[in-house]
């Protein structure tokens, strides 16, 4: 990057310097032509005898010189502007290409890690079941762990697939009337089963109808829950409420939180803080990106705020029907 920038800057400086040099040369040539024309005029017309004729011809030469200077200045300025615009486009394209390449590299590293972790966990649990005669309780515990890891693997694959389909506008959502409270209740029950000591659910009851794609909304809720569990070792609180026109739900954790400067960046595609090769936290940088797109697709909005005394809260608002 630094080498390219240095070479690029030097090349641009050379082109600009060459353009300025030719501009000065043309100006000098124009002045030389003007002086030659005046000398020829003086040799042909005596200004003291025919002052009117002399001044008329000299005025024409002055106009020609002014037009040449305007032409050189206009063409030079236009060419210089085109050079700067082209240079800006090329440099911007190179920056975007470099950034995309870095993001893709980080994405491949994170996806590889995310895929290997549940596969390795399931393999270990299955090998334990195969090699050891365990009592029924331990067998059920290992089987539950395998199911949890397979669900995590399935969520990852769904995120990647949905992100690709949404980018290519290939996914066609199926909107239907849904009970938002029931949707959140089912998700909370599933996570309480998987993490019985970590999930706190404070859910409003009632018939809160929304129009939405059930698969997409479940994925959005799952992404927020997984994100909270991933970045916090403590409890995760899922709350719901409703106003006259909107249904609200929030997912709060007690982790390190998100700096104010990063709060909007976390919804960018592939965005993750730090280097993927040294980062210890798991993730692909797709979860919150997909969640934000899903919520907007449903006419809602999502914001991120600080939790008290620590952690972060993701608040979602969806319109009722």
Protein backbone atom coordinates (compact mmCIF):
# COMPACT_ATOMS: atom_id res chain seq x y z
CA UNK A 1 0.00 0.00 0.00
CA UNK A 2 2.76 2.49 0.94
CA UNK A 3 4.82 1.53 -2.12
CA UNK A 4 1.81 1.98 -4.40
CA UNK A 5 0.97 5.33 -2.82
CA UNK A 6 4.54 6.58 -3.24
CA UNK A 7 4.79 5.50 -6.89
CA UNK A 8 1.29 6.80 -7.60
CA UNK A 9 2.06 10.20 -6.04
CA UNK A 10 5.34 10.52 -7.93
CA UNK A 11 3.69 9.59 -11.22
CA UNK A 12 0.86 12.05 -10.66
CA UNK A 13 3.35 14.79 -9.73
CA UNK A 14 5.34 14.05 -12.92
CA UNK A 15 2.21 14.29 -15.11
CA UNK A 16 1.14 17.57 -13.50
CA UNK A 17 4.68 18.98 -13.79
CA UNK A 18 4.81 17.96 -17.47
CA UNK A 19 1.44 19.62 -18.10
CA UNK A 20 2.60 22.84 -16.41
CA UNK A 21 5.86 22.74 -18.41
CA UNK A 22 4.00 22.42 -21.71
CA UNK A 23 1.62 25.17 -20.64
CA UNK A 24 4.53 27.54 -19.98
CA UNK A 25 6.13 26.51 -23.30
CA UNK A 26 2.93 27.25 -25.22
CA UNK A 27 2.62 30.62 -23.48
CA UNK A 28 6.20 31.50 -24.45
CA UNK A 29 5.56 30.36 -28.01
CA UNK A 30 2.42 32.52 -28.14
CA UNK A 31 4.41 35.55 -26.94
CA UNK A 32 7.08 34.81 -29.54
CA UNK A 33 4.44 34.67 -32.31
CA UNK A 34 2.98 37.95 -31.04
CA UNK A 35 6.35 39.69 -31.08
CA UNK A 36 7.07 38.39 -34.59
CA UNK A 37 3.72 39.70 -35.79
CA UNK A 38 4.44 43.13 -34.27
CA UNK A 39 7.87 43.25 -35.91
CA UNK A 40 6.35 42.36 -39.26
CA UNK A 41 3.65 45.01 -38.75
CA UNK A 42 6.21 47.68 -37.92
CA UNK A 43 8.17 46.78 -41.05
CA UNK A 44 5.06 47.11 -43.21
CA UNK A 45 3.19 50.03 -41.61
CA UNK A 46 4.63 53.23 -40.19
CA UNK A 47 2.71 54.01 -37.00
CA UNK A 48 3.50 57.71 -37.24
CA UNK A 49 2.15 58.02 -40.81
CA UNK A 50 -0.74 55.53 -40.57
CA UNK A 51 -1.53 55.32 -36.85
CA UNK A 52 -5.14 54.25 -37.35
CA UNK A 53 -4.21 51.31 -39.61
CA UNK A 54 -1.33 50.37 -37.32
CA UNK A 55 -3.57 50.34 -34.22
CA UNK A 56 -6.33 48.37 -35.98
CA UNK A 57 -3.91 45.62 -37.06
CA UNK A 58 -2.18 45.62 -33.66
CA UNK A 59 -5.60 45.27 -31.97
CA UNK A 60 -6.27 42.19 -34.11
CA UNK A 61 -2.93 40.73 -33.03
CA UNK A 62 -3.79 41.48 -29.38
CA UNK A 63 -7.13 39.68 -29.78
CA UNK A 64 -5.45 36.67 -31.37
CA UNK A 65 -2.93 36.53 -28.51
CA UNK A 66 -5.72 36.78 -25.89
CA UNK A 67 -7.69 33.99 -27.64
CA UNK A 68 -4.60 31.78 -27.71
CA UNK A 69 -3.98 32.33 -24.00
CA UNK A 70 -7.64 31.58 -23.21
CA UNK A 71 -7.48 28.45 -25.37
CA UNK A 72 -4.29 27.21 -23.73
CA UNK A 73 -5.59 28.03 -20.25
CA UNK A 74 -8.98 26.41 -20.86
CA UNK A 75 -7.61 23.26 -22.44
CA UNK A 76 -4.87 22.98 -19.83
CA UNK A 77 -7.30 23.45 -16.93
CA UNK A 78 -9.73 20.92 -18.42
CA UNK A 79 -6.96 18.39 -18.98
CA UNK A 80 -5.65 18.98 -15.45
CA UNK A 81 -9.15 18.51 -14.01
CA UNK A 82 -9.57 15.27 -15.98
CA UNK A 83 -6.21 14.05 -14.66
CA UNK A 84 -7.20 14.76 -11.05
CA UNK A 85 -10.63 13.15 -11.47
CA UNK A 86 -9.07 10.07 -13.10
CA UNK A 87 -6.40 9.93 -10.40
CA UNK A 88 -9.05 10.14 -7.67
CA UNK A 89 -11.13 7.39 -9.31
CA UNK A 90 -8.11 5.11 -9.71
CA UNK A 91 -6.92 5.66 -6.15
CA UNK A 92 -10.42 5.22 -4.74
CA UNK A 93 -10.85 2.02 -6.74
CA UNK A 94 -7.51 0.72 -5.49
CA UNK A 95 -8.45 1.55 -1.87
CA UNK A 96 -11.81 -0.22 -2.24
CA UNK A 97 -10.15 -3.22 -3.87
CA UNK A 98 -7.57 -3.43 -1.09
CA UNK A 99 -10.22 -3.07 1.60
CA UNK A 100 -12.43 -5.70 -0.03
CA UNK A 101 -9.49 -8.08 -0.36
CA UNK A 102 -8.68 -7.62 3.33
CA UNK A 103 -12.33 -8.13 4.29
CA UNK A 104 -12.57 -11.27 2.17
CA UNK A 105 -9.39 -12.62 3.72
CA UNK A 106 -10.73 -11.91 7.22
CA UNK A 107 -14.06 -13.46 6.24
CA UNK A 108 -12.42 -16.65 4.99
CA UNK A 109 -10.35 -16.92 8.17
CA UNK A 110 -13.38 -16.36 10.39
CA UNK A 111 -15.64 -18.71 8.41
CA UNK A 112 -13.00 -21.43 8.52
CA UNK A 113 -12.73 -20.99 12.28
CA UNK A 114 -16.50 -20.89 12.72
CA UNK A 115 -16.98 -24.06 10.67
CA UNK A 116 -14.19 -25.99 12.32
CA UNK A 117 -15.25 -25.22 15.91
CA UNK A 118 -18.70 -26.91 15.89
CA UNK A 119 -17.45 -29.75 13.70
CA UNK A 120 -14.59 -30.43 16.11
CA UNK A 121 -16.95 -30.25 19.11
CA UNK A 122 -19.45 -32.65 17.53
CA UNK A 123 -16.68 -35.04 16.52
CA UNK A 124 -15.29 -35.09 20.07
CA UNK A 125 -18.73 -35.69 21.59
CA UNK A 126 -19.52 -38.49 19.15
CA UNK A 127 -16.14 -40.13 19.72
CA UNK A 128 -16.79 -39.98 23.46
CA UNK A 129 -20.17 -41.67 22.96
CA UNK A 130 -18.58 -44.32 20.77
CA UNK A 131 -15.61 -45.18 23.00
CA UNK A 132 -17.15 -44.98 26.45
CA UNK A 133 -20.12 -46.62 28.09
CA UNK A 134 -21.83 -43.65 29.67
CA UNK A 135 -24.95 -43.50 31.79
CA UNK A 136 -28.14 -42.15 30.27
CA UNK A 137 -27.77 -38.65 31.73
CA UNK A 138 -24.28 -38.13 30.31
CA UNK A 139 -25.34 -39.54 26.96
CA UNK A 140 -28.23 -37.06 26.79
CA UNK A 141 -25.88 -34.24 27.78
CA UNK A 142 -23.44 -35.05 24.96
CA UNK A 143 -26.26 -35.46 22.47
CA UNK A 144 -27.67 -32.05 23.48
CA UNK A 145 -24.24 -30.53 22.98
CA UNK A 146 -24.05 -32.06 19.50
CA UNK A 147 -27.50 -30.65 18.68
CA UNK A 148 -26.46 -27.21 19.93
CA UNK A 149 -23.31 -27.28 17.80
CA UNK A 150 -25.27 -28.45 14.75
CA UNK A 151 -27.77 -25.60 15.30
CA UNK A 152 -24.88 -23.15 15.48
CA UNK A 153 -23.44 -24.59 12.26
CA UNK A 154 -26.86 -24.37 10.61
CA UNK A 155 -27.24 -20.71 11.68
CA UNK A 156 -23.84 -19.90 10.20
CA UNK A 157 -24.70 -21.53 6.88
CA UNK A 158 -28.07 -19.77 6.82
CA UNK A 159 -26.40 -16.40 7.47
CA UNK A 160 -23.93 -16.89 4.63
CA UNK A 161 -26.63 -18.12 2.25
CA UNK A 162 -29.12 -15.38 3.15
CA UNK A 163 -26.47 -12.65 2.89
CA UNK A 164 -25.57 -13.88 -0.60
CA UNK A 165 -29.21 -14.10 -1.69
CA UNK A 166 -30.10 -10.68 -0.28
CA UNK A 167 -27.09 -9.09 -1.98
CA UNK A 168 -28.12 -10.64 -5.30
CA UNK A 169 -31.82 -9.83 -4.66
CA UNK A 170 -32.57 -13.54 -5.10
CA UNK A 171 -34.34 -14.11 -1.80
CA UNK A 172 -38.08 -13.51 -2.02
CA UNK A 173 -39.51 -12.97 1.48
CA UNK A 174 -42.89 -14.48 2.24
CA UNK A 175 -44.80 -11.93 4.30
CA UNK A 176 -47.65 -13.18 6.47
CA UNK A 177 -49.43 -12.12 9.61
CA UNK A 178 -47.42 -13.19 12.65
CA UNK A 179 -47.79 -12.88 16.40
CA UNK A 180 -44.59 -11.11 17.41
CA UNK A 181 -44.98 -12.07 21.08
CA UNK A 182 -45.29 -15.75 20.16
CA UNK A 183 -42.26 -15.52 17.88
CA UNK A 184 -40.10 -14.06 20.67
CA UNK A 185 -41.48 -16.58 23.18
CA UNK A 186 -40.49 -19.52 20.99
CA UNK A 187 -37.00 -18.13 20.45
CA UNK A 188 -36.57 -17.45 24.17
CA UNK A 189 -37.66 -21.01 25.03
CA UNK A 190 -35.17 -22.50 22.59
CA UNK A 191 -32.29 -20.46 24.05
CA UNK A 192 -33.33 -21.14 27.63
CA UNK A 193 -33.18 -24.83 26.81
CA UNK A 194 -29.69 -24.47 25.35
CA UNK A 195 -28.41 -22.03 27.99
CA UNK A 196 -30.67 -22.58 31.04
CA UNK A 197 -28.65 -20.40 33.42
CA UNK A 198 -27.83 -17.53 31.11
CA UNK A 199 -31.10 -16.43 29.51
CA UNK A 200 -33.52 -14.09 31.27
CA UNK A 201 -36.80 -13.58 29.40
CA UNK A 202 -39.15 -10.73 30.33
CA UNK A 203 -41.86 -11.11 27.72
CA UNK A 204 -45.12 -9.27 27.23
CA UNK A 205 -48.11 -11.44 26.52
CA UNK A 206 -50.87 -10.74 24.04
CA UNK A 207 -51.65 -10.76 20.35
CA UNK A 208 -49.17 -8.33 18.77
CA UNK A 209 -49.65 -8.83 15.04
CA UNK A 210 -46.99 -7.88 12.52
CA UNK A 211 -46.47 -8.65 8.83
CA UNK A 212 -43.21 -10.42 8.22
CA UNK A 213 -41.20 -13.33 6.93
CA UNK A 214 -40.97 -15.81 9.81
CA UNK A 215 -37.64 -17.30 8.71
CA UNK A 216 -35.99 -13.88 8.37
CA UNK A 217 -37.30 -12.60 11.70
CA UNK A 218 -36.24 -15.76 13.52
CA UNK A 219 -32.78 -15.38 12.02
CA UNK A 220 -32.61 -11.73 13.15
CA UNK A 221 -33.55 -12.71 16.72
CA UNK A 222 -31.10 -15.61 16.65
CA UNK A 223 -28.28 -13.36 15.44
CA UNK A 224 -28.87 -10.88 18.26
CA UNK A 225 -29.01 -13.64 20.86
CA UNK A 226 -25.89 -15.37 19.54
CA UNK A 227 -24.06 -12.04 19.43
CA UNK A 228 -24.96 -11.30 23.06
CA UNK A 229 -23.94 -14.79 24.23
CA UNK A 230 -20.71 -14.59 22.28
CA UNK A 231 -19.48 -11.31 23.73
CA UNK A 232 -20.66 -11.80 27.30
CA UNK A 233 -19.98 -14.50 29.84
CA UNK A 234 -22.88 -13.39 32.03
CA UNK A 235 -26.62 -13.36 31.56
CA UNK A 236 -28.48 -12.19 28.47
CA UNK A 237 -31.82 -10.48 28.91
CA UNK A 238 -34.56 -10.62 26.29
CA UNK A 239 -37.37 -8.11 26.85
CA UNK A 240 -40.50 -7.28 24.87
CA UNK A 241 -43.07 -4.49 25.06
CA UNK A 242 -45.58 -2.76 22.82
CA UNK A 243 -47.03 0.67 22.18
CA UNK A 244 -50.08 1.61 20.18
CA UNK A 245 -48.33 1.31 16.80
CA UNK A 246 -45.13 -0.64 17.40
CA UNK A 247 -43.79 -3.83 18.92
CA UNK A 248 -40.44 -3.52 20.73
CA UNK A 249 -37.91 -6.09 21.80
CA UNK A 250 -34.39 -5.78 23.14
CA UNK A 251 -31.43 -8.06 23.74
CA UNK A 252 -29.06 -6.91 26.50
CA UNK A 253 -25.76 -8.40 27.62
CA UNK A 254 -23.20 -7.60 30.30
CA UNK A 255 -20.06 -7.78 28.18
CA UNK A 256 -17.42 -5.17 27.39
CA UNK A 257 -19.81 -3.06 25.36
CA UNK A 258 -19.24 -1.18 22.11
CA UNK A 259 -17.46 2.21 21.91
CA UNK A 260 -19.60 5.08 20.64
CA UNK A 261 -17.37 5.38 17.55
CA UNK A 262 -18.16 1.77 16.60
CA UNK A 263 -21.91 1.67 17.26
CA UNK A 264 -22.97 2.33 13.67
CA UNK A 265 -20.05 0.49 12.08
CA UNK A 266 -21.10 -2.86 13.59
CA UNK A 267 -23.95 -3.05 11.04
CA UNK A 268 -21.54 -2.97 8.10
CA UNK A 269 -20.94 -6.11 6.10
CA UNK A 270 -17.94 -8.11 7.38
CA UNK A 271 -17.13 -5.36 9.87
CA UNK A 272 -15.24 -6.63 12.89
CA UNK A 273 -12.77 -4.82 15.13
CA UNK A 274 -9.16 -5.95 14.98
CA UNK A 275 -7.26 -8.50 12.92
CA UNK A 276 -8.88 -11.84 12.20
CA UNK A 277 -5.60 -13.72 12.63
CA UNK A 278 -5.21 -12.58 16.23
CA UNK A 279 -8.84 -12.07 17.32
CA UNK A 280 -10.08 -14.48 19.96
CA UNK A 281 -13.83 -13.86 19.58
CA UNK A 282 -15.75 -15.87 17.01
CA UNK A 283 -17.89 -14.52 14.21
CA UNK A 284 -18.05 -13.68 10.52
CA UNK A 285 -19.15 -10.05 10.58
CA UNK A 286 -22.43 -11.01 8.89
CA UNK A 287 -24.86 -11.43 11.79
CA UNK A 288 -25.57 -7.79 12.63
CA UNK A 289 -25.35 -6.78 8.97
CA UNK A 290 -28.07 -9.29 8.05
CA UNK A 291 -30.14 -8.41 11.12
CA UNK A 292 -30.17 -4.71 10.25
CA UNK A 293 -31.20 -5.47 6.66
CA UNK A 294 -33.99 -7.79 7.84
CA UNK A 295 -35.37 -5.22 10.28
CA UNK A 296 -35.34 -2.50 7.61
CA UNK A 297 -36.99 -4.94 5.17
CA UNK A 298 -39.85 -5.19 7.68
CA UNK A 299 -40.23 -1.43 8.01
CA UNK A 300 -38.62 -1.34 11.46
CA UNK A 301 -35.45 0.04 12.95
CA UNK A 302 -32.66 -1.19 15.19
CA UNK A 303 -30.41 0.84 17.48
CA UNK A 304 -27.54 -0.04 19.77
CA UNK A 305 -27.13 1.55 23.22
CA UNK A 306 -24.99 1.08 26.32
CA UNK A 307 -26.31 -1.24 29.00
CA UNK A 308 -26.00 -0.37 32.68
CA UNK A 309 -23.68 -0.89 34.47
CA UNK A 310 -21.88 -2.46 31.50
CA UNK A 311 -22.57 -4.20 28.24
CA UNK A 312 -24.71 -3.34 25.26
CA UNK A 313 -28.41 -3.34 24.33
CA UNK A 314 -29.81 -3.87 20.85
CA UNK A 315 -33.32 -2.42 20.61
CA UNK A 316 -35.65 -3.33 17.76
CA UNK A 317 -38.91 -1.67 16.74
CA UNK A 318 -41.38 -3.30 14.35
CA UNK A 319 -44.69 -1.79 13.15
CA UNK A 320 -47.90 -3.45 14.32
CA UNK A 321 -50.81 -4.12 11.97
